[in-house]
């Protein structure tokens, strides 16, 4: 009984703190899965007021539907948070801010602001949370990635998952959609043709086996651009990147059993090499801190806040501005 009373008081306090249009979200009741942990996958479908857990059909009903704007999929905050294992009492609203709390991550977003703050680290994104018909909507991809999940897109379906990309054919059949992934890149940049020689990059003076490179912004990889690397028998493509304080993930296409190497470039041009294993559904994961690799080259422990560039190397290379770099602070 004491636990029940405590839970009621907690919910009441959350309702009192919620103001304006955000209050409408607080009334939703959504299942939270497996003791606040995502089982295997959650799938949202654009335009459909139903979402699917672990490929089970029929799905869970919603009173609002995800929609696409600015090439991003937006989902009502309560359904997105609860389906990813964040219970109501761990969702906070204050003025125009939404906070999602898990055991490892506190993610905050502000209505109208193009950023997500994960564990007090601000990460720029290309869209902002929105208010629509009195409801708060969050960009599904950025929220799921901030909470530690991977995200895939299959013809109008947003797939949030852990481990390997799940087979969503049962859901596709249920909603009457084909399962062929739709890829609409904005363009393919051949770095070997437009890049500068490696000698033009200060950090590359002691690096061997580098040809041409270009410098890009983190957002360039978030906006559907594709970069082709390697012109000495290699045929590599880079599609996307996500960066957290602990890991860097790169979506890539390679013709070898392991993924491309990346370099972490500090503000003083210290270079740290990071290797990975085989891509999983196109994604390779790299550790920011890799003590064995750094000990071998006698480099100090890496700090993502001091990493100025992340270089993806396929003989040709792209130098990506690190979104978590704090300018030496």
C-alpha atoms as a PDB file:
ATOM      1  CA  UNK A   1       0.000   0.000   0.000  1.00  0.00           C
ATOM      2  CA  UNK A   2       2.868   2.373   0.846  1.00  0.00           C
ATOM      3  CA  UNK A   3       4.363   1.828  -2.617  1.00  0.00           C
ATOM      4  CA  UNK A   4       1.012   2.501  -4.252  1.00  0.00           C
ATOM      5  CA  UNK A   5       0.543   5.753  -2.320  1.00  0.00           C
ATOM      6  CA  UNK A   6       4.099   6.825  -3.176  1.00  0.00           C
ATOM      7  CA  UNK A   7       3.457   6.126  -6.846  1.00  0.00           C
ATOM      8  CA  UNK A   8       0.251   8.164  -6.799  1.00  0.00           C
ATOM      9  CA  UNK A   9       2.012  11.109  -5.154  1.00  0.00           C
ATOM     10  CA  UNK A  10       4.827  10.930  -7.746  1.00  0.00           C
ATOM     11  CA  UNK A  11       2.367  10.988 -10.642  1.00  0.00           C
ATOM     12  CA  UNK A  12       0.466  13.907  -9.120  1.00  0.00           C
ATOM     13  CA  UNK A  13       3.658  15.910  -8.723  1.00  0.00           C
ATOM     14  CA  UNK A  14       4.543  15.234 -12.367  1.00  0.00           C
ATOM     15  CA  UNK A  15       1.134  16.498 -13.427  1.00  0.00           C
ATOM     16  CA  UNK A  16       1.514  19.674 -11.413  1.00  0.00           C
ATOM     17  CA  UNK A  17       4.927  20.399 -12.958  1.00  0.00           C
ATOM     18  CA  UNK A  18       3.627  19.973 -16.492  1.00  0.00           C
ATOM     19  CA  UNK A  19       2.378  23.171 -18.119  1.00  0.00           C
ATOM     20  CA  UNK A  20       0.680  24.377 -21.310  1.00  0.00           C
ATOM     21  CA  UNK A  21       0.525  22.117 -24.312  1.00  0.00           C
ATOM     22  CA  UNK A  22       2.975  19.657 -22.759  1.00  0.00           C
ATOM     23  CA  UNK A  23       0.379  18.678 -20.194  1.00  0.00           C
ATOM     24  CA  UNK A  24      -1.564  16.726 -22.788  1.00  0.00           C
ATOM     25  CA  UNK A  25       1.259  14.202 -23.063  1.00  0.00           C
ATOM     26  CA  UNK A  26       1.209  13.491 -19.335  1.00  0.00           C
ATOM     27  CA  UNK A  27      -2.262  11.908 -19.660  1.00  0.00           C
ATOM     28  CA  UNK A  28      -1.117   9.136 -21.968  1.00  0.00           C
ATOM     29  CA  UNK A  29      -0.753   5.647 -20.544  1.00  0.00           C
ATOM     30  CA  UNK A  30       1.665   3.422 -22.408  1.00  0.00           C
ATOM     31  CA  UNK A  31       3.233   0.088 -21.542  1.00  0.00           C
ATOM     32  CA  UNK A  32       6.865   0.176 -20.380  1.00  0.00           C
ATOM     33  CA  UNK A  33       8.704  -2.946 -21.423  1.00  0.00           C
ATOM     34  CA  UNK A  34      10.873  -5.445 -19.542  1.00  0.00           C
ATOM     35  CA  UNK A  35      11.579  -3.426 -16.377  1.00  0.00           C
ATOM     36  CA  UNK A  36      12.307  -0.228 -18.287  1.00  0.00           C
ATOM     37  CA  UNK A  37      14.478  -1.939 -20.881  1.00  0.00           C
ATOM     38  CA  UNK A  38      13.764  -2.397 -24.571  1.00  0.00           C
ATOM     39  CA  UNK A  39      13.480  -6.102 -25.410  1.00  0.00           C
ATOM     40  CA  UNK A  40      14.655  -6.291 -29.025  1.00  0.00           C
ATOM     41  CA  UNK A  41      12.857  -3.714 -31.123  1.00  0.00           C
ATOM     42  CA  UNK A  42      10.126  -1.128 -31.365  1.00  0.00           C
ATOM     43  CA  UNK A  43       8.723  -0.095 -34.742  1.00  0.00           C
ATOM     44  CA  UNK A  44       6.801   3.100 -35.457  1.00  0.00           C
ATOM     45  CA  UNK A  45       5.019   3.598 -38.766  1.00  0.00           C
ATOM     46  CA  UNK A  46       4.525   7.015 -40.317  1.00  0.00           C
ATOM     47  CA  UNK A  47       0.826   7.892 -40.411  1.00  0.00           C
ATOM     48  CA  UNK A  48      -0.274   4.857 -38.365  1.00  0.00           C
ATOM     49  CA  UNK A  49      -1.623   5.145 -34.798  1.00  0.00           C
ATOM     50  CA  UNK A  50      -0.109   1.814 -33.787  1.00  0.00           C
ATOM     51  CA  UNK A  51       3.423   0.710 -32.863  1.00  0.00           C
ATOM     52  CA  UNK A  52       4.994  -2.724 -32.626  1.00  0.00           C
ATOM     53  CA  UNK A  53       7.162  -4.356 -29.967  1.00  0.00           C
ATOM     54  CA  UNK A  54       9.377  -7.335 -30.834  1.00  0.00           C
ATOM     55  CA  UNK A  55       7.675  -7.703 -34.235  1.00  0.00           C
ATOM     56  CA  UNK A  56       4.383  -8.682 -32.610  1.00  0.00           C
ATOM     57  CA  UNK A  57       1.158  -7.920 -34.471  1.00  0.00           C
ATOM     58  CA  UNK A  58      -1.288  -6.402 -33.976  1.00  0.00           C
ATOM     59  CA  UNK A  59       0.565  -3.541 -32.326  1.00  0.00           C
ATOM     60  CA  UNK A  60      -0.088  -1.195 -29.428  1.00  0.00           C
ATOM     61  CA  UNK A  61      -2.625   1.540 -30.101  1.00  0.00           C
ATOM     62  CA  UNK A  62      -1.794   5.250 -29.922  1.00  0.00           C
ATOM     63  CA  UNK A  63      -4.098   8.255 -30.003  1.00  0.00           C
ATOM     64  CA  UNK A  64      -1.739  10.102 -32.372  1.00  0.00           C
ATOM     65  CA  UNK A  65       0.376   9.117 -35.361  1.00  0.00           C
ATOM     66  CA  UNK A  66       4.043   9.705 -36.259  1.00  0.00           C
ATOM     67  CA  UNK A  67       4.634  12.103 -39.130  1.00  0.00           C
ATOM     68  CA  UNK A  68       7.526  13.272 -41.309  1.00  0.00           C
ATOM     69  CA  UNK A  69       8.743  16.842 -41.545  1.00  0.00           C
ATOM     70  CA  UNK A  70      12.127  18.138 -42.728  1.00  0.00           C
ATOM     71  CA  UNK A  71      13.014  14.543 -43.695  1.00  0.00           C
ATOM     72  CA  UNK A  72      12.740  13.436 -40.044  1.00  0.00           C
ATOM     73  CA  UNK A  73      10.146  11.224 -38.319  1.00  0.00           C
ATOM     74  CA  UNK A  74       8.439  12.698 -35.265  1.00  0.00           C
ATOM     75  CA  UNK A  75       6.695  10.571 -32.609  1.00  0.00           C
ATOM     76  CA  UNK A  76       4.566  11.702 -29.620  1.00  0.00           C
ATOM     77  CA  UNK A  77       6.898  12.009 -26.645  1.00  0.00           C
ATOM     78  CA  UNK A  78       5.032   9.679 -24.291  1.00  0.00           C
ATOM     79  CA  UNK A  79       4.819   6.782 -26.719  1.00  0.00           C
ATOM     80  CA  UNK A  80       8.409   7.165 -27.857  1.00  0.00           C
ATOM     81  CA  UNK A  81       9.778   7.373 -24.320  1.00  0.00           C
ATOM     82  CA  UNK A  82       7.714   4.543 -22.833  1.00  0.00           C
ATOM     83  CA  UNK A  83       8.387   2.202 -25.743  1.00  0.00           C
ATOM     84  CA  UNK A  84      12.126   2.758 -25.229  1.00  0.00           C
ATOM     85  CA  UNK A  85      11.836   1.858 -21.559  1.00  0.00           C
ATOM     86  CA  UNK A  86      11.410   5.281 -19.936  1.00  0.00           C
ATOM     87  CA  UNK A  87       8.469   5.183 -17.466  1.00  0.00           C
ATOM     88  CA  UNK A  88       6.179   8.157 -16.836  1.00  0.00           C
ATOM     89  CA  UNK A  89       7.887   9.109 -13.583  1.00  0.00           C
ATOM     90  CA  UNK A  90      11.203   9.395 -15.474  1.00  0.00           C
ATOM     91  CA  UNK A  91       9.811  11.863 -18.021  1.00  0.00           C
ATOM     92  CA  UNK A  92      10.112  15.458 -16.917  1.00  0.00           C
ATOM     93  CA  UNK A  93       8.617  18.651 -18.328  1.00  0.00           C
ATOM     94  CA  UNK A  94       9.717  22.148 -17.388  1.00  0.00           C
ATOM     95  CA  UNK A  95       8.745  25.182 -19.450  1.00  0.00           C
ATOM     96  CA  UNK A  96       9.644  24.067 -22.999  1.00  0.00           C
ATOM     97  CA  UNK A  97      12.050  21.312 -21.950  1.00  0.00           C
ATOM     98  CA  UNK A  98      11.477  17.539 -22.049  1.00  0.00           C
ATOM     99  CA  UNK A  99      13.823  15.301 -20.012  1.00  0.00           C
ATOM    100  CA  UNK A 100      14.062  11.520 -20.353  1.00  0.00           C
ATOM    101  CA  UNK A 101      15.890   9.697 -17.570  1.00  0.00           C
ATOM    102  CA  UNK A 102      17.356   6.196 -17.773  1.00  0.00           C
ATOM    103  CA  UNK A 103      19.909   4.435 -15.579  1.00  0.00           C
ATOM    104  CA  UNK A 104      22.768   5.540 -17.849  1.00  0.00           C
ATOM    105  CA  UNK A 105      21.525   8.571 -19.777  1.00  0.00           C
ATOM    106  CA  UNK A 106      19.612  11.767 -19.085  1.00  0.00           C
ATOM    107  CA  UNK A 107      18.472  13.208 -22.416  1.00  0.00           C
ATOM    108  CA  UNK A 108      16.996  16.700 -22.636  1.00  0.00           C
ATOM    109  CA  UNK A 109      15.418  18.520 -25.558  1.00  0.00           C
ATOM    110  CA  UNK A 110      13.815  21.944 -25.916  1.00  0.00           C
ATOM    111  CA  UNK A 111      10.869  22.909 -28.090  1.00  0.00           C
ATOM    112  CA  UNK A 112      12.204  24.885 -31.036  1.00  0.00           C
ATOM    113  CA  UNK A 113      15.900  24.226 -30.315  1.00  0.00           C
ATOM    114  CA  UNK A 114      18.008  22.055 -32.618  1.00  0.00           C
ATOM    115  CA  UNK A 115      19.994  20.166 -30.024  1.00  0.00           C
ATOM    116  CA  UNK A 116      19.780  17.214 -27.674  1.00  0.00           C
ATOM    117  CA  UNK A 117      21.650  17.238 -24.372  1.00  0.00           C
ATOM    118  CA  UNK A 118      22.824  13.783 -23.291  1.00  0.00           C
ATOM    119  CA  UNK A 119      24.426  13.642 -19.828  1.00  0.00           C
ATOM    120  CA  UNK A 120      25.086  17.395 -19.970  1.00  0.00           C
ATOM    121  CA  UNK A 121      26.799  17.164 -23.369  1.00  0.00           C
ATOM    122  CA  UNK A 122      25.035  19.224 -26.037  1.00  0.00           C
ATOM    123  CA  UNK A 123      24.810  17.558 -29.448  1.00  0.00           C
ATOM    124  CA  UNK A 124      23.612  19.611 -32.442  1.00  0.00           C
ATOM    125  CA  UNK A 125      20.855  18.071 -34.570  1.00  0.00           C
ATOM    126  CA  UNK A 126      19.117  19.329 -37.689  1.00  0.00           C
ATOM    127  CA  UNK A 127      15.531  19.514 -36.359  1.00  0.00           C
ATOM    128  CA  UNK A 128      13.848  20.603 -33.130  1.00  0.00           C
ATOM    129  CA  UNK A 129      11.004  19.112 -31.046  1.00  0.00           C
ATOM    130  CA  UNK A 130       7.608  20.379 -32.127  1.00  0.00           C
ATOM    131  CA  UNK A 131       4.168  21.147 -30.733  1.00  0.00           C
ATOM    132  CA  UNK A 132       1.356  19.910 -32.970  1.00  0.00           C
ATOM    133  CA  UNK A 133      -2.338  19.896 -32.090  1.00  0.00           C
ATOM    134  CA  UNK A 134      -1.475  20.405 -28.438  1.00  0.00           C
ATOM    135  CA  UNK A 135       0.953  17.471 -28.373  1.00  0.00           C
ATOM    136  CA  UNK A 136       4.731  17.329 -27.997  1.00  0.00           C
ATOM    137  CA  UNK A 137       6.584  15.402 -30.707  1.00  0.00           C
ATOM    138  CA  UNK A 138      10.261  14.397 -30.667  1.00  0.00           C
ATOM    139  CA  UNK A 139      12.498  13.336 -33.582  1.00  0.00           C
ATOM    140  CA  UNK A 140      12.592   9.563 -33.097  1.00  0.00           C
ATOM    141  CA  UNK A 141      16.053   8.891 -34.456  1.00  0.00           C
ATOM    142  CA  UNK A 142      17.976  11.352 -32.306  1.00  0.00           C
ATOM    143  CA  UNK A 143      16.139  10.409 -29.112  1.00  0.00           C
ATOM    144  CA  UNK A 144      16.622   6.673 -29.641  1.00  0.00           C
ATOM    145  CA  UNK A 145      20.329   7.108 -30.438  1.00  0.00           C
ATOM    146  CA  UNK A 146      20.846   9.321 -27.385  1.00  0.00           C
ATOM    147  CA  UNK A 147      19.344   6.563 -25.234  1.00  0.00           C
ATOM    148  CA  UNK A 148      21.762   4.004 -26.678  1.00  0.00           C
ATOM    149  CA  UNK A 149      19.692   2.333 -29.399  1.00  0.00           C
ATOM    150  CA  UNK A 150      20.318   1.892 -33.097  1.00  0.00           C
ATOM    151  CA  UNK A 151      17.802   3.146 -35.619  1.00  0.00           C
ATOM    152  CA  UNK A 152      16.924   1.865 -39.073  1.00  0.00           C
ATOM    153  CA  UNK A 153      14.380   2.997 -41.665  1.00  0.00           C
ATOM    154  CA  UNK A 154      12.424   0.613 -43.886  1.00  0.00           C
ATOM    155  CA  UNK A 155       9.875   2.223 -46.191  1.00  0.00           C
ATOM    156  CA  UNK A 156       8.030   4.401 -43.707  1.00  0.00           C
ATOM    157  CA  UNK A 157       8.883   2.243 -40.688  1.00  0.00           C
ATOM    158  CA  UNK A 158      11.200   3.545 -37.975  1.00  0.00           C
ATOM    159  CA  UNK A 159      12.973   0.591 -36.323  1.00  0.00           C
ATOM    160  CA  UNK A 160      14.601   1.197 -32.911  1.00  0.00           C
ATOM    161  CA  UNK A 161      16.599  -1.830 -31.857  1.00  0.00           C
ATOM    162  CA  UNK A 162      19.448  -3.377 -29.886  1.00  0.00           C
ATOM    163  CA  UNK A 163      21.834  -5.982 -31.291  1.00  0.00           C
ATOM    164  CA  UNK A 164      21.258  -6.898 -34.939  1.00  0.00           C
ATOM    165  CA  UNK A 165      18.680  -5.224 -37.139  1.00  0.00           C
ATOM    166  CA  UNK A 166      15.463  -7.247 -36.708  1.00  0.00           C
ATOM    167  CA  UNK A 167      13.401  -8.815 -39.466  1.00  0.00           C
ATOM    168  CA  UNK A 168      10.332  -6.578 -39.756  1.00  0.00           C
ATOM    169  CA  UNK A 169       8.658  -8.501 -42.585  1.00  0.00           C
ATOM    170  CA  UNK A 170       5.760  -9.589 -40.334  1.00  0.00           C
ATOM    171  CA  UNK A 171       4.993  -5.963 -39.512  1.00  0.00           C
ATOM    172  CA  UNK A 172       5.384  -4.953 -43.153  1.00  0.00           C
ATOM    173  CA  UNK A 173       2.895  -7.656 -44.173  1.00  0.00           C
ATOM    174  CA  UNK A 174       0.484  -6.564 -41.435  1.00  0.00           C
ATOM    175  CA  UNK A 175       0.457  -2.940 -42.552  1.00  0.00           C
ATOM    176  CA  UNK A 176       0.727  -3.777 -46.242  1.00  0.00           C
ATOM    177  CA  UNK A 177       4.145  -2.287 -46.993  1.00  0.00           C
ATOM    178  CA  UNK A 178       7.123  -3.791 -48.869  1.00  0.00           C
ATOM    179  CA  UNK A 179      10.275  -4.411 -46.836  1.00  0.00           C
ATOM    180  CA  UNK A 180      12.823  -3.072 -49.319  1.00  0.00           C
ATOM    181  CA  UNK A 181      14.807  -0.320 -47.580  1.00  0.00           C
ATOM    182  CA  UNK A 182      14.386   3.041 -49.240  1.00  0.00           C
ATOM    183  CA  UNK A 183      17.678   4.920 -49.631  1.00  0.00           C
ATOM    184  CA  UNK A 184      17.487   8.473 -50.932  1.00  0.00           C
ATOM    185  CA  UNK A 185      20.959   9.969 -50.594  1.00  0.00           C
ATOM    186  CA  UNK A 186      21.372  13.596 -51.551  1.00  0.00           C
ATOM    187  CA  UNK A 187      24.477  12.780 -53.544  1.00  0.00           C
ATOM    188  CA  UNK A 188      27.661  10.745 -53.686  1.00  0.00           C
ATOM    189  CA  UNK A 189      30.963  12.600 -53.263  1.00  0.00           C
ATOM    190  CA  UNK A 190      34.021  10.870 -54.718  1.00  0.00           C
ATOM    191  CA  UNK A 191      36.781  12.008 -52.369  1.00  0.00           C
ATOM    192  CA  UNK A 192      39.539  10.713 -54.646  1.00  0.00           C
ATOM    193  CA  UNK A 193      38.496  13.230 -57.303  1.00  0.00           C
ATOM    194  CA  UNK A 194      37.887  16.367 -55.231  1.00  0.00           C
ATOM    195  CA  UNK A 195      40.039  15.777 -52.127  1.00  0.00           C
ATOM    196  CA  UNK A 196      43.242  17.524 -51.110  1.00  0.00           C
ATOM    197  CA  UNK A 197      46.537  15.619 -50.618  1.00  0.00           C
ATOM    198  CA  UNK A 198      47.061  14.256 -47.102  1.00  0.00           C
ATOM    199  CA  UNK A 199      50.095  16.547 -46.727  1.00  0.00           C
ATOM    200  CA  UNK A 200      47.680  19.485 -46.490  1.00  0.00           C
ATOM    201  CA  UNK A 201      46.314  18.180 -43.169  1.00  0.00           C
ATOM    202  CA  UNK A 202      48.584  19.045 -40.181  1.00  0.00           C
ATOM    203  CA  UNK A 203      47.801  15.871 -38.224  1.00  0.00           C
ATOM    204  CA  UNK A 204      48.704  13.596 -41.192  1.00  0.00           C
ATOM    205  CA  UNK A 205      52.459  14.355 -41.374  1.00  0.00           C
ATOM    206  CA  UNK A 206      53.404  11.074 -39.653  1.00  0.00           C
ATOM    207  CA  UNK A 207      50.613   8.963 -41.156  1.00  0.00           C
ATOM    208  CA  UNK A 208      51.349   6.627 -44.049  1.00  0.00           C
ATOM    209  CA  UNK A 209      49.074   5.187 -46.716  1.00  0.00           C
ATOM    210  CA  UNK A 210      46.813   8.224 -46.982  1.00  0.00           C
ATOM    211  CA  UNK A 211      45.844   9.749 -50.310  1.00  0.00           C
ATOM    212  CA  UNK A 212      43.258  12.499 -50.663  1.00  0.00           C
ATOM    213  CA  UNK A 213      40.922  13.877 -48.036  1.00  0.00           C
ATOM    214  CA  UNK A 214      38.189  16.432 -47.480  1.00  0.00           C
ATOM    215  CA  UNK A 215      36.913  18.234 -44.403  1.00  0.00           C
ATOM    216  CA  UNK A 216      33.177  18.048 -43.669  1.00  0.00           C
ATOM    217  CA  UNK A 217      30.757  18.916 -40.901  1.00  0.00           C
ATOM    218  CA  UNK A 218      29.001  16.339 -38.722  1.00  0.00           C
ATOM    219  CA  UNK A 219      25.674  17.518 -40.151  1.00  0.00           C
ATOM    220  CA  UNK A 220      26.827  16.611 -43.666  1.00  0.00           C
ATOM    221  CA  UNK A 221      26.672  12.943 -42.680  1.00  0.00           C
ATOM    222  CA  UNK A 222      23.263  13.459 -41.073  1.00  0.00           C
ATOM    223  CA  UNK A 223      21.704  14.987 -44.159  1.00  0.00           C
ATOM    224  CA  UNK A 224      21.826  12.008 -46.499  1.00  0.00           C
ATOM    225  CA  UNK A 225      25.176  12.681 -48.153  1.00  0.00           C
ATOM    226  CA  UNK A 226      27.356   9.712 -49.155  1.00  0.00           C
ATOM    227  CA  UNK A 227      31.174   9.771 -49.393  1.00  0.00           C
ATOM    228  CA  UNK A 228      33.116   7.342 -51.583  1.00  0.00           C
ATOM    229  CA  UNK A 229      36.633   6.482 -50.365  1.00  0.00           C
ATOM    230  CA  UNK A 230      39.569   4.497 -51.749  1.00  0.00           C
ATOM    231  CA  UNK A 231      40.810   4.435 -55.320  1.00  0.00           C
ATOM    232  CA  UNK A 232      43.590   1.799 -55.062  1.00  0.00           C
ATOM    233  CA  UNK A 233      41.327  -1.224 -55.389  1.00  0.00           C
ATOM    234  CA  UNK A 234      39.092  -0.111 -52.547  1.00  0.00           C
ATOM    235  CA  UNK A 235      35.439   0.696 -52.950  1.00  0.00           C
ATOM    236  CA  UNK A 236      34.158   2.115 -49.680  1.00  0.00           C
ATOM    237  CA  UNK A 237      31.186   4.339 -48.907  1.00  0.00           C
ATOM    238  CA  UNK A 238      30.366   6.245 -45.727  1.00  0.00           C
ATOM    239  CA  UNK A 239      26.707   7.091 -45.039  1.00  0.00           C
ATOM    240  CA  UNK A 240      26.256   8.209 -41.459  1.00  0.00           C
ATOM    241  CA  UNK A 241      27.841   8.730 -38.038  1.00  0.00           C
ATOM    242  CA  UNK A 242      26.753   9.001 -34.400  1.00  0.00           C
ATOM    243  CA  UNK A 243      28.975  10.214 -31.564  1.00  0.00           C
ATOM    244  CA  UNK A 244      28.606   9.705 -27.806  1.00  0.00           C
ATOM    245  CA  UNK A 245      31.170  10.203 -25.021  1.00  0.00           C
ATOM    246  CA  UNK A 246      31.899   6.458 -25.062  1.00  0.00           C
ATOM    247  CA  UNK A 247      31.508   5.282 -28.644  1.00  0.00           C
ATOM    248  CA  UNK A 248      31.527   6.383 -32.262  1.00  0.00           C
ATOM    249  CA  UNK A 249      29.388   4.543 -34.803  1.00  0.00           C
ATOM    250  CA  UNK A 250      29.903   4.811 -38.553  1.00  0.00           C
ATOM    251  CA  UNK A 251      27.521   3.445 -41.166  1.00  0.00           C
ATOM    252  CA  UNK A 252      29.604   2.225 -44.070  1.00  0.00           C
ATOM    253  CA  UNK A 253      29.809  -0.090 -47.041  1.00  0.00           C
ATOM    254  CA  UNK A 254      33.069  -1.984 -47.414  1.00  0.00           C
ATOM    255  CA  UNK A 255      34.355  -4.841 -49.590  1.00  0.00           C
ATOM    256  CA  UNK A 256      36.414  -6.360 -46.777  1.00  0.00           C
ATOM    257  CA  UNK A 257      35.466  -8.452 -43.689  1.00  0.00           C
ATOM    258  CA  UNK A 258      36.219  -5.618 -41.233  1.00  0.00           C
ATOM    259  CA  UNK A 259      35.183  -2.002 -41.182  1.00  0.00           C
ATOM    260  CA  UNK A 260      37.247   1.073 -41.935  1.00  0.00           C
ATOM    261  CA  UNK A 261      39.767   2.498 -39.484  1.00  0.00           C
ATOM    262  CA  UNK A 262      39.091   5.835 -37.829  1.00  0.00           C
ATOM    263  CA  UNK A 263      41.451   8.380 -36.253  1.00  0.00           C
ATOM    264  CA  UNK A 264      40.666  10.645 -33.309  1.00  0.00           C
ATOM    265  CA  UNK A 265      42.484  13.955 -33.788  1.00  0.00           C
ATOM    266  CA  UNK A 266      43.072  16.102 -30.707  1.00  0.00           C
ATOM    267  CA  UNK A 267      43.382  19.887 -30.802  1.00  0.00           C
ATOM    268  CA  UNK A 268      47.184  19.495 -30.621  1.00  0.00           C
ATOM    269  CA  UNK A 269      47.100  17.084 -33.622  1.00  0.00           C
ATOM    270  CA  UNK A 270      47.641  13.958 -31.512  1.00  0.00           C
ATOM    271  CA  UNK A 271      46.360  11.024 -33.575  1.00  0.00           C
ATOM    272  CA  UNK A 272      44.687   7.992 -31.998  1.00  0.00           C
ATOM    273  CA  UNK A 273      43.878   4.989 -34.175  1.00  0.00           C
ATOM    274  CA  UNK A 274      40.677   3.046 -33.601  1.00  0.00           C
ATOM    275  CA  UNK A 275      39.888  -0.302 -35.237  1.00  0.00           C
ATOM    276  CA  UNK A 276      36.602  -2.179 -35.340  1.00  0.00           C
ATOM    277  CA  UNK A 277      35.160  -5.538 -36.241  1.00  0.00           C
ATOM    278  CA  UNK A 278      32.770  -6.525 -39.011  1.00  0.00           C
ATOM    279  CA  UNK A 279      29.889  -4.152 -39.786  1.00  0.00           C
ATOM    280  CA  UNK A 280      26.498  -5.135 -38.365  1.00  0.00           C
ATOM    281  CA  UNK A 281      23.722  -3.998 -40.662  1.00  0.00           C
ATOM    282  CA  UNK A 282      26.263  -1.569 -42.067  1.00  0.00           C
ATOM    283  CA  UNK A 283      27.232  -0.026 -38.705  1.00  0.00           C
ATOM    284  CA  UNK A 284      30.668  -0.297 -37.089  1.00  0.00           C
ATOM    285  CA  UNK A 285      31.286   0.701 -33.471  1.00  0.00           C
ATOM    286  CA  UNK A 286      34.544   2.240 -32.204  1.00  0.00           C
ATOM    287  CA  UNK A 287      35.554   2.923 -28.596  1.00  0.00           C
ATOM    288  CA  UNK A 288      36.607   6.442 -27.718  1.00  0.00           C
ATOM    289  CA  UNK A 289      38.868   5.072 -24.982  1.00  0.00           C
ATOM    290  CA  UNK A 290      40.956   2.124 -26.165  1.00  0.00           C
ATOM    291  CA  UNK A 291      43.724   1.747 -23.608  1.00  0.00           C
ATOM    292  CA  UNK A 292      45.665  -0.961 -25.449  1.00  0.00           C
ATOM    293  CA  UNK A 293      45.906   1.049 -28.656  1.00  0.00           C
ATOM    294  CA  UNK A 294      46.866   4.238 -26.832  1.00  0.00           C
ATOM    295  CA  UNK A 295      49.372   2.513 -24.564  1.00  0.00           C
ATOM    296  CA  UNK A 296      51.123   1.055 -27.618  1.00  0.00           C
ATOM    297  CA  UNK A 297      51.664   4.525 -29.090  1.00  0.00           C
ATOM    298  CA  UNK A 298      52.210   6.121 -25.673  1.00  0.00           C
ATOM    299  CA  UNK A 299      49.204   8.411 -26.030  1.00  0.00           C
ATOM    300  CA  UNK A 300      47.268   9.711 -23.015  1.00  0.00           C
ATOM    301  CA  UNK A 301      43.700   8.571 -22.439  1.00  0.00           C
ATOM    302  CA  UNK A 302      41.293  10.013 -24.990  1.00  0.00           C
ATOM    303  CA  UNK A 303      38.743  12.659 -24.017  1.00  0.00           C
ATOM    304  CA  UNK A 304      35.909  13.126 -26.525  1.00  0.00           C
ATOM    305  CA  UNK A 305      35.590  16.789 -25.511  1.00  0.00           C
ATOM    306  CA  UNK A 306      39.141  17.415 -26.734  1.00  0.00           C
ATOM    307  CA  UNK A 307      38.837  15.447 -29.974  1.00  0.00           C
ATOM    308  CA  UNK A 308      38.569  18.088 -32.685  1.00  0.00           C
ATOM    309  CA  UNK A 309      38.176  15.818 -35.712  1.00  0.00           C
ATOM    310  CA  UNK A 310      37.105  12.246 -36.380  1.00  0.00           C
ATOM    311  CA  UNK A 311      38.781  10.905 -39.523  1.00  0.00           C
ATOM    312  CA  UNK A 312      37.305   7.968 -41.427  1.00  0.00           C
ATOM    313  CA  UNK A 313      40.112   6.342 -43.384  1.00  0.00           C
ATOM    314  CA  UNK A 314      39.731   4.292 -46.539  1.00  0.00           C
ATOM    315  CA  UNK A 315      43.063   5.337 -48.118  1.00  0.00           C
ATOM    316  CA  UNK A 316      41.110   8.405 -49.154  1.00  0.00           C
ATOM    317  CA  UNK A 317      39.552   9.919 -46.051  1.00  0.00           C
ATOM    318  CA  UNK A 318      37.036  12.374 -44.634  1.00  0.00           C
ATOM    319  CA  UNK A 319      37.860  14.640 -41.703  1.00  0.00           C
ATOM    320  CA  UNK A 320      34.621  15.150 -39.731  1.00  0.00           C
ATOM    321  CA  UNK A 321      34.180  17.939 -37.192  1.00  0.00           C
ATOM    322  CA  UNK A 322      33.438  16.325 -33.827  1.00  0.00           C
ATOM    323  CA  UNK A 323      30.065  17.595 -32.507  1.00  0.00           C
ATOM    324  CA  UNK A 324      31.196  17.050 -28.892  1.00  0.00           C
ATOM    325  CA  UNK A 325      34.413  19.060 -29.174  1.00  0.00           C
ATOM    326  CA  UNK A 326      34.511  21.835 -26.570  1.00  0.00           C
ATOM    327  CA  UNK A 327      37.404  23.878 -27.911  1.00  0.00           C
ATOM    328  CA  UNK A 328      39.900  22.857 -25.264  1.00  0.00           C
ATOM    329  CA  UNK A 329      37.749  23.899 -22.313  1.00  0.00           C
END
